[in-house]
């Protein structure tokens, strides 16, 4: 690294040059202005490039989200079991029974959508052309409820192997209609029969959030994300005629992201440096007026060195040269410009690191979404390595994990909860090497009624945990309609419940829905059952709950009283306001 030291005695030439002081001062002023403009141009270019990189990063984030959602949509679209089930409902409507549509939903549709569902970010919905398919909850809707803002007829006529994009307002889970991007595919059979539409909804507010990371804290700005057909995904700010507009492409959906700023958008970052330069220039000229008589040649040479150093220095390179020593004009200019350039360079490097960290975080989030699917695949691989007599237990474990890990609404059909409890009983029997017999009696008019999810599990857990040491435990699940309510009973023939415990648990139905008092539970029964009763009463109010009974012949009966909910609208109407 090179350092130039100040020195040299005053010469006759320097003394004579003092006579030209006014002219020299003007020349130095023009020279300083040239350096100032050069520095501002370099920094403005760096700031512009920094904004462009940030805009490209935002476009990459949005494109990555849409690409992941599109991949999940294709995963469902290409599923042969789904296509075969839909084709049976369309081509053989008379033979497609209620049991068939329940089987199609529970065995194919629900597992598919559980894997890819994420209600907080996007929503997938299947609209079958056949009205024979069960269409009153979860992920399936009747075709006549398809969003009317979309060109439905054109999509059904010309949508083979195409994806339609449309911006409209969609109602999500328990929310008012929100602006959304709809990505719709038509599902056709190989013979050309239209089976249904697969609609993927992405909330525009989720996509627009990425723009907030690059918006300036002050000053005017404008941005817009627009599809090729002119539909606007989102926009903000106010567009000015003289704005500097940068753009980036979203290749996944053929959209363009534009971002505009005022021409002096870099002024906020240059103001402080400009003030420092003005002060430094004034000081340098004052020192020049005193020192020009004794060191005019040295000052001129050193100033030219600074000018050559920065005039030919390419932006973006690392500045290794140390600044000049001393307190004369040239040294202070070099020291100030070197410090400012290094601060600017470090700022750009920090932005690059922030972008890399952000992409690393996106990768971590994507891996987190993959983890449940990875668990299912791992358990499936373990299954094939076990003896065949252990396959049924492993299948029950996989199905149980799908039921408790899958995202969805707060309610489920009774038959689905019964199937989940059968898997839970099988797993407990395998775990504790105990014979547990589970039977169910669900009449057709009750099996599809909706109840709160995971409501039965604490009762089954108590039945097994407090059943005593009997070699065989029998658990029976029944349901029937009674006086406008749904009565669900769980009976076990283990050790009967103690009278004082039964009285305590039944009294919980009269308590306010408040935290359970510490120390009031008995033998571990109280907390779980109190939570179940509190949940029922918070949802449906008085008159509903869970009561225990003792049989004269031995055994215990847990009896739920719930409202009759035949559809999701009925479930919502039964809930307390």
Protein backbone atom coordinates (compact mmCIF):
# COMPACT_ATOMS: atom_id res chain seq x y z
CA UNK A 1 0.00 0.00 0.00
CA UNK A 2 1.28 3.42 -0.98
CA UNK A 3 1.48 6.46 1.29
CA UNK A 4 2.68 9.90 0.25
CA UNK A 5 4.00 12.15 2.98
CA UNK A 6 3.64 15.90 3.00
CA UNK A 7 6.88 17.87 2.85
CA UNK A 8 9.07 20.31 0.89
CA UNK A 9 10.05 23.91 1.61
CA UNK A 10 8.39 26.91 0.06
CA UNK A 11 9.92 27.91 -3.30
CA UNK A 12 10.00 31.10 -5.37
CA UNK A 13 7.50 29.49 -7.72
CA UNK A 14 5.13 28.89 -4.82
CA UNK A 15 5.45 32.51 -3.67
CA UNK A 16 4.82 33.82 -7.15
CA UNK A 17 1.82 31.50 -7.45
CA UNK A 18 0.25 33.26 -4.48
CA UNK A 19 -0.24 36.28 -6.75
CA UNK A 20 -2.60 34.14 -8.81
CA UNK A 21 -4.63 33.20 -5.74
CA UNK A 22 -8.10 34.20 -7.06
CA UNK A 23 -7.63 32.26 -10.28
CA UNK A 24 -6.25 29.25 -8.47
CA UNK A 25 -9.15 29.28 -6.01
CA UNK A 26 -11.64 29.19 -8.89
CA UNK A 27 -9.74 26.32 -10.49
CA UNK A 28 -9.73 24.39 -7.21
CA UNK A 29 -13.45 25.02 -6.74
CA UNK A 30 -14.21 23.61 -10.19
CA UNK A 31 -11.92 20.67 -9.48
CA UNK A 32 -13.72 19.94 -6.19
CA UNK A 33 -17.08 20.16 -7.93
CA UNK A 34 -15.89 17.64 -10.50
CA UNK A 35 -14.86 15.25 -7.73
CA UNK A 36 -18.19 15.75 -5.97
CA UNK A 37 -20.19 15.01 -9.12
CA UNK A 38 -18.03 11.98 -9.88
CA UNK A 39 -18.63 10.57 -6.42
CA UNK A 40 -22.40 11.21 -6.58
CA UNK A 41 -22.63 9.51 -9.98
CA UNK A 42 -20.76 6.45 -8.72
CA UNK A 43 -22.90 6.18 -5.57
CA UNK A 44 -26.14 6.74 -7.51
CA UNK A 45 -25.21 3.85 -9.82
CA UNK A 46 -24.54 1.62 -6.82
CA UNK A 47 -27.85 2.56 -5.19
CA UNK A 48 -29.73 1.90 -8.44
CA UNK A 49 -28.06 -1.49 -8.78
CA UNK A 50 -28.90 -2.26 -5.17
CA UNK A 51 -32.60 -1.48 -5.74
CA UNK A 52 -32.56 -3.61 -8.89
CA UNK A 53 -31.11 -6.57 -6.98
CA UNK A 54 -33.74 -6.16 -4.28
CA UNK A 55 -36.54 -6.09 -6.89
CA UNK A 56 -35.16 -9.24 -8.52
CA UNK A 57 -35.09 -10.87 -5.07
CA UNK A 58 -38.77 -9.98 -4.52
CA UNK A 59 -39.67 -11.40 -7.95
CA UNK A 60 -37.74 -14.59 -7.13
CA UNK A 61 -39.63 -14.95 -3.83
CA UNK A 62 -43.03 -14.56 -5.51
CA UNK A 63 -42.04 -16.86 -8.40
CA UNK A 64 -40.78 -19.44 -5.90
CA UNK A 65 -44.08 -19.40 -3.99
CA UNK A 66 -46.14 -19.74 -7.18
CA UNK A 67 -43.84 -22.49 -8.46
CA UNK A 68 -44.21 -24.52 -5.26
CA UNK A 69 -48.00 -24.11 -5.29
CA UNK A 70 -48.13 -25.03 -8.99
CA UNK A 71 -46.12 -28.19 -8.27
CA UNK A 72 -48.57 -29.21 -5.53
CA UNK A 73 -51.51 -28.54 -7.85
CA UNK A 74 -49.93 -30.75 -10.53
CA UNK A 75 -49.41 -33.48 -7.92
CA UNK A 76 -53.17 -33.61 -7.32
CA UNK A 77 -54.09 -33.02 -11.00
CA UNK A 78 -52.05 -36.04 -12.15
CA UNK A 79 -53.33 -38.50 -9.54
CA UNK A 80 -54.83 -41.52 -11.31
CA UNK A 81 -56.96 -42.63 -8.33
CA UNK A 82 -58.62 -39.20 -8.26
CA UNK A 83 -59.30 -39.28 -12.01
CA UNK A 84 -60.71 -42.82 -11.85
CA UNK A 85 -63.02 -41.93 -8.95
CA UNK A 86 -64.28 -38.78 -10.68
CA UNK A 87 -64.81 -40.72 -13.91
CA UNK A 88 -66.98 -43.31 -12.12
CA UNK A 89 -69.10 -40.52 -10.66
CA UNK A 90 -69.57 -38.95 -14.14
CA UNK A 91 -69.85 -42.03 -16.38
CA UNK A 92 -71.71 -44.34 -13.97
CA UNK A 93 -73.88 -42.03 -11.83
CA UNK A 94 -76.52 -44.70 -11.01
CA UNK A 95 -73.87 -47.13 -9.71
CA UNK A 96 -71.93 -44.47 -7.77
CA UNK A 97 -73.37 -44.98 -4.26
CA UNK A 98 -73.04 -42.97 -1.08
CA UNK A 99 -70.46 -45.48 0.14
CA UNK A 100 -68.47 -44.93 -3.06
CA UNK A 101 -68.32 -41.16 -2.64
CA UNK A 102 -67.39 -41.48 1.04
CA UNK A 103 -64.64 -43.91 0.10
CA UNK A 104 -63.40 -41.61 -2.69
CA UNK A 105 -63.26 -38.71 -0.28
CA UNK A 106 -61.64 -40.47 2.70
CA UNK A 107 -59.25 -42.72 0.71
CA UNK A 108 -58.19 -40.39 -2.11
CA UNK A 109 -59.26 -36.75 -1.88
CA UNK A 110 -58.66 -36.13 1.83
CA UNK A 111 -55.14 -37.73 1.94
CA UNK A 112 -54.12 -35.82 -1.23
CA UNK A 113 -55.25 -32.44 0.03
CA UNK A 114 -53.93 -33.05 3.57
CA UNK A 115 -50.39 -33.32 2.17
CA UNK A 116 -50.46 -30.01 0.29
CA UNK A 117 -52.94 -27.91 2.32
CA UNK A 118 -51.88 -24.57 3.80
CA UNK A 119 -55.00 -22.45 4.51
CA UNK A 120 -53.02 -19.45 5.73
CA UNK A 121 -51.17 -19.05 2.40
CA UNK A 122 -53.24 -20.72 -0.30
CA UNK A 123 -56.35 -22.87 -0.73
CA UNK A 124 -57.05 -25.78 -3.11
CA UNK A 125 -60.61 -26.73 -4.01
CA UNK A 126 -62.00 -29.44 -6.29
CA UNK A 127 -65.18 -28.67 -8.32
CA UNK A 128 -66.48 -31.97 -9.82
CA UNK A 129 -68.90 -31.88 -12.75
CA UNK A 130 -70.90 -34.71 -11.16
CA UNK A 131 -73.35 -33.80 -8.40
CA UNK A 132 -73.05 -37.38 -7.12
CA UNK A 133 -69.81 -36.58 -5.30
CA UNK A 134 -70.13 -35.65 -1.60
CA UNK A 135 -69.63 -31.88 -1.73
CA UNK A 136 -70.54 -30.27 1.60
CA UNK A 137 -67.29 -29.92 3.58
CA UNK A 138 -63.49 -29.79 3.46
CA UNK A 139 -61.90 -29.49 0.01
CA UNK A 140 -64.75 -30.32 -2.41
CA UNK A 141 -67.36 -27.81 -3.60
CA UNK A 142 -70.25 -28.13 -6.10
CA UNK A 143 -69.49 -26.83 -9.58
CA UNK A 144 -72.31 -24.28 -9.32
CA UNK A 145 -70.38 -22.59 -6.48
CA UNK A 146 -67.35 -21.97 -8.71
CA UNK A 147 -66.33 -18.23 -8.54
CA UNK A 148 -68.52 -16.53 -11.16
CA UNK A 149 -65.85 -13.93 -11.94
CA UNK A 150 -63.84 -16.52 -13.88
CA UNK A 151 -64.57 -17.41 -17.53
CA UNK A 152 -66.06 -20.75 -16.49
CA UNK A 153 -67.53 -21.81 -19.84
CA UNK A 154 -64.36 -21.00 -21.80
CA UNK A 155 -62.33 -22.90 -19.27
CA UNK A 156 -64.53 -26.00 -19.60
CA UNK A 157 -64.49 -25.81 -23.41
CA UNK A 158 -60.83 -24.94 -24.04
CA UNK A 159 -59.07 -25.72 -20.78
CA UNK A 160 -57.55 -29.09 -21.65
CA UNK A 161 -53.88 -29.15 -20.51
CA UNK A 162 -54.00 -25.40 -19.79
CA UNK A 163 -53.75 -23.35 -16.63
CA UNK A 164 -56.04 -20.31 -16.37
CA UNK A 165 -55.01 -17.34 -14.25
CA UNK A 166 -57.56 -14.88 -12.97
CA UNK A 167 -57.71 -12.22 -10.25
CA UNK A 168 -60.90 -12.11 -8.20
CA UNK A 169 -62.17 -11.96 -4.62
CA UNK A 170 -62.44 -15.30 -2.81
CA UNK A 171 -63.80 -16.16 0.61
CA UNK A 172 -61.29 -18.17 2.67
CA UNK A 173 -61.75 -20.17 5.86
CA UNK A 174 -63.93 -18.01 8.15
CA UNK A 175 -62.85 -14.79 6.42
CA UNK A 176 -64.49 -12.16 4.29
CA UNK A 177 -63.77 -12.21 0.53
CA UNK A 178 -60.18 -11.24 -0.19
CA UNK A 179 -58.32 -10.43 -3.44
CA UNK A 180 -56.75 -13.62 -4.75
CA UNK A 181 -55.00 -15.11 -7.77
CA UNK A 182 -56.87 -18.18 -9.03
CA UNK A 183 -54.86 -20.84 -10.92
CA UNK A 184 -57.41 -23.25 -12.43
CA UNK A 185 -56.95 -26.51 -14.36
CA UNK A 186 -59.60 -28.57 -16.10
CA UNK A 187 -59.42 -32.30 -15.31
CA UNK A 188 -60.26 -34.48 -18.34
CA UNK A 189 -60.39 -38.24 -18.74
CA UNK A 190 -58.38 -39.87 -21.51
CA UNK A 191 -61.57 -40.22 -23.59
CA UNK A 192 -62.17 -36.46 -23.43
CA UNK A 193 -64.78 -36.49 -20.64
CA UNK A 194 -64.64 -33.38 -18.45
CA UNK A 195 -64.37 -34.58 -14.83
CA UNK A 196 -64.02 -31.33 -12.90
CA UNK A 197 -61.95 -28.24 -12.15
CA UNK A 198 -59.02 -27.94 -9.73
CA UNK A 199 -58.79 -24.40 -8.39
CA UNK A 200 -55.73 -23.11 -6.48
CA UNK A 201 -56.23 -19.78 -4.72
CA UNK A 202 -53.25 -17.66 -3.64
CA UNK A 203 -54.01 -14.66 -1.43
CA UNK A 204 -52.57 -11.55 -3.07
CA UNK A 205 -51.78 -10.05 0.35
CA UNK A 206 -49.27 -12.89 0.86
CA UNK A 207 -47.53 -12.08 -2.44
CA UNK A 208 -47.57 -8.32 -1.84
CA UNK A 209 -45.89 -8.72 1.55
CA UNK A 210 -42.56 -9.31 -0.17
CA UNK A 211 -42.65 -5.74 -1.58
CA UNK A 212 -42.64 -4.22 1.91
CA UNK A 213 -39.00 -5.21 2.37
CA UNK A 214 -37.76 -2.79 -0.33
CA UNK A 215 -40.11 0.18 0.04
CA UNK A 216 -38.27 3.41 1.02
CA UNK A 217 -38.99 4.93 4.41
CA UNK A 218 -39.63 8.33 2.85
CA UNK A 219 -40.26 9.76 -0.61
CA UNK A 220 -42.68 8.85 -3.37
CA UNK A 221 -42.75 5.35 -4.84
CA UNK A 222 -44.99 3.18 -6.99
CA UNK A 223 -45.20 -0.53 -7.77
CA UNK A 224 -47.47 -2.84 -9.74
CA UNK A 225 -47.55 -6.58 -10.52
CA UNK A 226 -49.57 -7.30 -13.67
CA UNK A 227 -50.46 -10.41 -15.72
CA UNK A 228 -49.98 -10.54 -19.49
CA UNK A 229 -53.71 -10.02 -20.10
CA UNK A 230 -53.66 -6.78 -18.11
CA UNK A 231 -55.07 -8.03 -14.81
CA UNK A 232 -53.36 -6.44 -11.80
CA UNK A 233 -52.26 -8.73 -8.98
CA UNK A 234 -51.38 -5.89 -6.61
CA UNK A 235 -50.16 -2.29 -6.73
CA UNK A 236 -49.32 0.53 -4.38
CA UNK A 237 -48.14 4.11 -4.24
CA UNK A 238 -48.75 6.75 -6.90
CA UNK A 239 -47.06 6.70 -10.30
CA UNK A 240 -45.29 9.87 -11.40
CA UNK A 241 -44.42 10.86 -14.95
CA UNK A 242 -40.73 11.43 -14.20
CA UNK A 243 -40.11 8.35 -12.05
CA UNK A 244 -37.24 5.93 -12.61
CA UNK A 245 -39.02 2.60 -13.27
CA UNK A 246 -37.30 -0.77 -12.82
CA UNK A 247 -38.95 -4.06 -13.80
CA UNK A 248 -38.54 -7.79 -13.24
CA UNK A 249 -40.34 -10.77 -14.78
CA UNK A 250 -42.31 -13.51 -13.00
CA UNK A 251 -41.76 -16.34 -15.44
CA UNK A 252 -44.04 -18.80 -13.63
CA UNK A 253 -47.27 -16.91 -14.46
CA UNK A 254 -46.03 -14.57 -17.19
CA UNK A 255 -46.38 -11.47 -15.02
CA UNK A 256 -44.29 -8.30 -14.80
CA UNK A 257 -43.29 -6.61 -11.54
CA UNK A 258 -42.55 -2.86 -11.88
CA UNK A 259 -41.13 -0.54 -9.25
CA UNK A 260 -40.82 3.23 -9.66
CA UNK A 261 -38.98 5.87 -7.61
CA UNK A 262 -38.39 9.60 -7.95
CA UNK A 263 -35.30 10.61 -9.98
CA UNK A 264 -33.57 11.82 -6.81
CA UNK A 265 -34.36 8.60 -4.91
CA UNK A 266 -30.67 8.38 -3.93
CA UNK A 267 -30.69 11.88 -2.43
CA UNK A 268 -31.48 10.61 1.07
CA UNK A 269 -28.34 8.51 1.03
CA UNK A 270 -26.24 11.33 -0.51
CA UNK A 271 -27.38 14.20 1.73
CA UNK A 272 -25.05 13.49 4.63
CA UNK A 273 -22.11 12.82 2.34
CA UNK A 274 -22.85 16.00 0.40
CA UNK A 275 -22.86 18.10 3.54
CA UNK A 276 -19.57 16.61 4.61
CA UNK A 277 -18.12 17.35 1.20
CA UNK A 278 -19.27 20.97 1.27
CA UNK A 279 -17.71 21.50 4.69
CA UNK A 280 -14.56 19.75 3.63
CA UNK A 281 -14.31 21.77 0.41
CA UNK A 282 -14.68 25.04 2.32
CA UNK A 283 -11.94 23.97 4.72
CA UNK A 284 -9.74 22.80 1.89
CA UNK A 285 -10.09 26.12 0.03
CA UNK A 286 -9.28 28.06 3.20
CA UNK A 287 -6.17 25.97 3.75
CA UNK A 288 -5.28 26.32 0.09
CA UNK A 289 -5.38 30.11 0.38
CA UNK A 290 -2.81 29.95 3.21
CA UNK A 291 -0.61 27.16 1.82
CA UNK A 292 -0.69 27.96 -1.89
CA UNK A 293 2.28 30.33 -1.59
CA UNK A 294 4.51 27.63 -0.08
CA UNK A 295 3.20 24.36 -1.53
CA UNK A 296 1.22 25.05 -4.70
CA UNK A 297 3.08 22.43 -6.73
CA UNK A 298 2.75 19.76 -4.05
CA UNK A 299 -0.96 20.42 -3.53
CA UNK A 300 -1.66 20.33 -7.26
CA UNK A 301 0.22 17.05 -7.65
CA UNK A 302 -1.54 15.41 -4.72
CA UNK A 303 -4.96 16.62 -5.86
CA UNK A 304 -4.32 15.15 -9.29
CA UNK A 305 -3.38 11.85 -7.66
CA UNK A 306 -6.75 11.77 -5.86
CA UNK A 307 -8.63 12.66 -9.05
CA UNK A 308 -6.86 9.96 -11.06
CA UNK A 309 -7.45 7.44 -8.30
CA UNK A 310 -11.23 7.83 -8.25
CA UNK A 311 -11.83 8.81 -11.89
CA UNK A 312 -10.46 5.49 -13.14
CA UNK A 313 -11.73 3.33 -10.27
CA UNK A 314 -14.43 0.87 -11.41
CA UNK A 315 -17.54 0.77 -9.17
CA UNK A 316 -17.97 -2.45 -7.19
CA UNK A 317 -14.25 -3.14 -6.72
CA UNK A 318 -12.59 -3.39 -3.31
CA UNK A 319 -10.52 -0.28 -2.50
CA UNK A 320 -7.21 -1.56 -1.10
CA UNK A 321 -5.11 1.63 -1.39
CA UNK A 322 -4.67 3.47 1.89
CA UNK A 323 -5.58 7.19 1.87
CA UNK A 324 -2.91 9.89 1.82
CA UNK A 325 -1.38 11.04 5.10
CA UNK A 326 -1.57 14.60 6.32
CA UNK A 327 -4.14 17.37 6.74
CA UNK A 328 -3.80 19.19 3.43
CA UNK A 329 -6.66 19.37 0.91
CA UNK A 330 -5.61 16.39 -1.16
CA UNK A 331 -5.15 14.14 1.87
CA UNK A 332 -8.50 15.07 3.42
CA UNK A 333 -10.29 14.59 0.08
CA UNK A 334 -8.68 11.18 -0.32
CA UNK A 335 -9.42 10.17 3.27
CA UNK A 336 -13.05 11.28 3.07
CA UNK A 337 -13.74 9.69 -0.33
CA UNK A 338 -12.00 6.47 0.68
CA UNK A 339 -14.04 6.21 3.87
CA UNK A 340 -17.32 7.00 2.11
CA UNK A 341 -16.60 4.54 -0.70
CA UNK A 342 -15.76 1.78 1.77
CA UNK A 343 -18.94 2.46 3.75
CA UNK A 344 -20.93 2.25 0.52
CA UNK A 345 -19.17 -0.98 -0.46
CA UNK A 346 -19.82 -2.55 2.98
CA UNK A 347 -23.50 -1.53 2.73
CA UNK A 348 -23.82 -3.31 -0.63
CA UNK A 349 -22.08 -6.40 0.74
CA UNK A 350 -24.48 -6.42 3.70
CA UNK A 351 -27.43 -6.29 1.30
CA UNK A 352 -26.01 -9.23 -0.67
CA UNK A 353 -25.60 -11.22 2.55
CA UNK A 354 -29.16 -10.35 3.58
CA UNK A 355 -30.41 -11.68 0.24
CA UNK A 356 -28.46 -14.93 0.71
CA UNK A 357 -29.78 -15.33 4.27
CA UNK A 358 -33.31 -14.72 3.02
CA UNK A 359 -33.01 -17.46 0.41
CA UNK A 360 -31.59 -19.78 3.07
CA UNK A 361 -34.66 -19.08 5.22
CA UNK A 362 -36.97 -19.81 2.26
CA UNK A 363 -35.21 -23.16 1.79
CA UNK A 364 -35.68 -23.97 5.50
CA UNK A 365 -39.39 -23.15 5.29
CA UNK A 366 -39.76 -25.35 2.21
CA UNK A 367 -38.06 -28.23 4.03
CA UNK A 368 -40.43 -27.72 6.99
CA UNK A 369 -43.38 -28.17 4.63
CA UNK A 370 -41.83 -31.38 3.30
CA UNK A 371 -41.28 -32.94 6.78
CA UNK A 372 -44.76 -34.53 7.25
CA UNK A 373 -44.58 -36.08 3.80
CA UNK A 374 -41.05 -37.31 4.62
CA UNK A 375 -42.42 -38.95 7.79
CA UNK A 376 -45.09 -40.84 5.81
CA UNK A 377 -42.51 -42.04 3.27
CA UNK A 378 -40.14 -43.18 6.04
CA UNK A 379 -42.87 -45.14 7.84
CA UNK A 380 -43.88 -46.69 4.52
CA UNK A 381 -40.27 -47.78 3.91
CA UNK A 382 -40.09 -49.29 7.44
CA UNK A 383 -43.33 -51.16 6.76
CA UNK A 384 -41.84 -53.06 3.83
CA UNK A 385 -38.91 -54.16 5.98
CA UNK A 386 -41.14 -55.57 8.74
CA UNK A 387 -42.70 -59.05 8.74
CA UNK A 388 -46.02 -59.12 6.93
CA UNK A 389 -47.95 -59.74 10.14
CA UNK A 390 -46.77 -56.28 11.35
CA UNK A 391 -47.98 -54.42 8.24
CA UNK A 392 -51.46 -53.77 9.59
CA UNK A 393 -50.08 -52.03 12.69
CA UNK A 394 -47.73 -49.87 10.61
CA UNK A 395 -50.60 -48.96 8.26
CA UNK A 396 -52.68 -47.91 11.28
CA UNK A 397 -49.80 -45.75 12.54
CA UNK A 398 -49.43 -44.02 9.15
CA UNK A 399 -53.18 -43.43 8.89
CA UNK A 400 -53.33 -42.09 12.46
CA UNK A 401 -50.49 -39.65 11.80
CA UNK A 402 -52.21 -38.47 8.64
CA UNK A 403 -55.35 -37.79 10.66
CA UNK A 404 -53.67 -35.77 13.44
CA UNK A 405 -51.05 -33.98 11.29
CA UNK A 406 -53.37 -33.05 8.43
CA UNK A 407 -54.57 -29.46 8.37
CA UNK A 408 -58.25 -28.69 7.98
CA UNK A 409 -61.32 -27.26 9.60
CA UNK A 410 -62.36 -27.71 13.23
CA UNK A 411 -65.00 -30.33 12.39
CA UNK A 412 -65.08 -33.76 10.75
CA UNK A 413 -67.73 -36.37 9.86
CA UNK A 414 -68.50 -38.91 12.57
CA UNK A 415 -67.40 -41.87 10.45
CA UNK A 416 -63.98 -40.23 9.96
CA UNK A 417 -63.50 -39.76 13.73
CA UNK A 418 -64.63 -43.37 14.30
CA UNK A 419 -61.99 -44.61 11.85
CA UNK A 420 -59.34 -42.51 13.63
CA UNK A 421 -60.35 -44.05 16.99
CA UNK A 422 -60.12 -47.57 15.53
CA UNK A 423 -56.53 -46.82 14.52
CA UNK A 424 -55.86 -45.37 18.00
CA UNK A 425 -57.23 -48.51 19.71
CA UNK A 426 -55.18 -50.80 17.42
CA UNK A 427 -52.00 -48.87 18.22
CA UNK A 428 -52.65 -49.03 21.98
CA UNK A 429 -53.26 -52.77 21.77
CA UNK A 430 -50.00 -53.23 19.90
CA UNK A 431 -48.04 -50.91 22.24
CA UNK A 432 -49.18 -52.52 25.50
CA UNK A 433 -49.48 -56.09 24.11
CA UNK A 434 -53.08 -56.20 25.16
CA UNK A 435 -56.21 -57.35 23.40
CA UNK A 436 -58.62 -54.44 22.87
CA UNK A 437 -61.78 -55.13 20.84
CA UNK A 438 -63.40 -52.11 19.17
CA UNK A 439 -66.90 -52.21 17.64
CA UNK A 440 -69.02 -49.43 16.22
CA UNK A 441 -72.68 -49.00 15.39
CA UNK A 442 -73.25 -45.93 13.24
CA UNK A 443 -76.57 -45.75 11.39
CA UNK A 444 -76.49 -44.22 7.88
CA UNK A 445 -78.37 -41.10 9.03
CA UNK A 446 -75.69 -40.36 11.68
CA UNK A 447 -72.35 -41.44 10.21
CA UNK A 448 -71.95 -38.34 7.98
CA UNK A 449 -72.99 -35.81 10.66
CA UNK A 450 -70.27 -33.31 11.58
CA UNK A 451 -68.74 -33.19 15.08
CA UNK A 452 -65.71 -31.26 16.48
CA UNK A 453 -62.43 -32.92 15.48
CA UNK A 454 -60.54 -35.11 18.02
CA UNK A 455 -63.48 -34.95 20.47
CA UNK A 456 -63.52 -38.71 21.11
CA UNK A 457 -59.82 -39.33 21.70
CA UNK A 458 -59.59 -38.20 25.40
CA UNK A 459 -62.57 -40.45 26.28
CA UNK A 460 -60.97 -43.45 24.54
CA UNK A 461 -57.68 -42.69 26.28
CA UNK A 462 -59.38 -42.69 29.71
CA UNK A 463 -61.26 -45.90 28.87
CA UNK A 464 -57.96 -47.69 28.14
CA UNK A 465 -55.85 -46.09 30.89
CA UNK A 466 -58.40 -46.77 33.70
CA UNK A 467 -59.74 -50.15 32.50
CA UNK A 468 -57.87 -52.25 35.05
CA UNK A 469 -55.90 -55.45 34.40
CA UNK A 470 -58.47 -57.43 32.39
CA UNK A 471 -56.90 -59.52 29.63
CA UNK A 472 -59.54 -58.38 27.10
CA UNK A 473 -61.06 -54.89 26.96
CA UNK A 474 -64.16 -54.25 24.84
CA UNK A 475 -64.93 -50.71 23.65
CA UNK A 476 -68.13 -49.98 21.74
CA UNK A 477 -69.02 -46.75 19.86
CA UNK A 478 -72.69 -45.98 19.12
CA UNK A 479 -74.59 -43.00 17.71
CA UNK A 480 -78.23 -42.11 17.18
CA UNK A 481 -80.53 -39.13 16.89
CA UNK A 482 -82.49 -38.35 20.07
CA UNK A 483 -84.98 -35.50 20.35
CA UNK A 484 -83.24 -33.21 17.86
CA UNK A 485 -79.76 -33.96 19.21
CA UNK A 486 -76.96 -36.38 18.31
CA UNK A 487 -76.21 -38.89 21.09
CA UNK A 488 -72.78 -40.54 20.85
CA UNK A 489 -71.91 -43.19 23.47
CA UNK A 490 -68.58 -44.86 24.24
CA UNK A 491 -68.96 -48.02 26.39
CA UNK A 492 -66.17 -50.12 27.90
CA UNK A 493 -66.37 -53.22 30.12
CA UNK A 494 -63.21 -52.50 32.13
CA UNK A 495 -63.10 -51.49 35.77
CA UNK A 496 -66.24 -49.40 36.40
CA UNK A 497 -65.77 -45.74 37.15
CA UNK A 498 -65.90 -44.85 40.84
CA UNK A 499 -69.14 -43.10 41.94
CA UNK A 500 -67.34 -40.10 43.40
CA UNK A 501 -65.27 -39.68 40.22
CA UNK A 502 -68.41 -39.99 38.05
CA UNK A 503 -70.22 -37.37 40.13
CA UNK A 504 -67.22 -35.05 39.89
CA UNK A 505 -66.95 -35.37 36.10
CA UNK A 506 -70.68 -34.96 35.49
CA UNK A 507 -70.68 -31.83 37.64
CA UNK A 508 -68.19 -30.27 35.24
CA UNK A 509 -71.06 -29.82 32.76
CA UNK A 510 -72.47 -27.16 35.08
CA UNK A 511 -69.18 -25.28 35.52
CA UNK A 512 -68.32 -22.09 33.69
CA UNK A 513 -65.88 -22.55 30.76
CA UNK A 514 -62.86 -21.42 32.79
CA UNK A 515 -59.40 -22.90 33.57
CA UNK A 516 -59.63 -26.07 35.66
CA UNK A 517 -58.76 -25.34 39.34
CA UNK A 518 -55.41 -26.84 40.35
CA UNK A 519 -55.74 -29.81 42.69
CA UNK A 520 -59.39 -30.62 41.85
CA UNK A 521 -58.71 -33.55 39.51
CA UNK A 522 -59.06 -37.16 40.59
CA UNK A 523 -56.78 -39.97 39.34
CA UNK A 524 -55.97 -38.08 36.16
CA UNK A 525 -59.59 -38.05 34.87
CA UNK A 526 -60.41 -34.40 35.40
CA UNK A 527 -58.20 -32.32 33.14
CA UNK A 528 -58.81 -34.08 29.83
CA UNK A 529 -62.57 -34.46 30.38
CA UNK A 530 -62.89 -30.87 31.63
CA UNK A 531 -61.20 -29.69 28.43
CA UNK A 532 -63.62 -31.77 26.32
CA UNK A 533 -66.67 -30.42 28.16
CA UNK A 534 -65.38 -26.86 28.05
CA UNK A 535 -64.78 -27.14 24.31
CA UNK A 536 -68.35 -28.43 23.70
CA UNK A 537 -69.94 -25.69 25.78
CA UNK A 538 -67.80 -22.94 24.23
CA UNK A 539 -68.89 -24.13 20.80
CA UNK A 540 -72.57 -24.93 21.36
CA UNK A 541 -73.63 -23.56 24.79
CA UNK A 542 -75.76 -25.09 27.55
CA UNK A 543 -77.63 -28.35 27.00
CA UNK A 544 -74.65 -30.02 25.32
CA UNK A 545 -71.79 -31.83 26.99
CA UNK A 546 -70.43 -35.20 28.20
CA UNK A 547 -71.92 -37.34 30.97
CA UNK A 548 -70.73 -40.65 32.53
CA UNK A 549 -72.92 -43.60 33.65
CA UNK A 550 -72.24 -46.91 35.48
CA UNK A 551 -73.83 -50.15 34.30
CA UNK A 552 -75.32 -52.55 36.83
CA UNK A 553 -73.58 -55.39 35.03
CA UNK A 554 -70.21 -53.63 35.21
CA UNK A 555 -68.59 -51.21 32.79
CA UNK A 556 -68.70 -47.50 32.06
CA UNK A 557 -70.63 -45.42 29.50
CA UNK A 558 -69.52 -41.96 28.32
CA UNK A 559 -72.44 -40.16 26.66
CA UNK A 560 -72.00 -37.09 24.38
CA UNK A 561 -74.94 -34.82 23.52
CA UNK A 562 -74.19 -32.71 20.43
CA UNK A 563 -76.23 -30.69 17.90
CA UNK A 564 -77.19 -32.33 14.61
CA UNK A 565 -74.98 -30.77 11.90
CA UNK A 566 -75.54 -32.18 8.43
CA UNK A 567 -73.39 -29.59 6.62
CA UNK A 568 -70.73 -27.01 7.38
CA UNK A 569 -73.36 -24.26 7.26
CA UNK A 570 -75.37 -26.09 9.91
CA UNK A 571 -72.23 -26.49 12.04
CA UNK A 572 -71.50 -22.76 11.84
CA UNK A 573 -75.13 -21.91 12.67
CA UNK A 574 -75.06 -24.16 15.75
CA UNK A 575 -72.02 -22.41 17.17
CA UNK A 576 -72.57 -19.74 19.82
CA UNK A 577 -72.22 -16.18 18.54
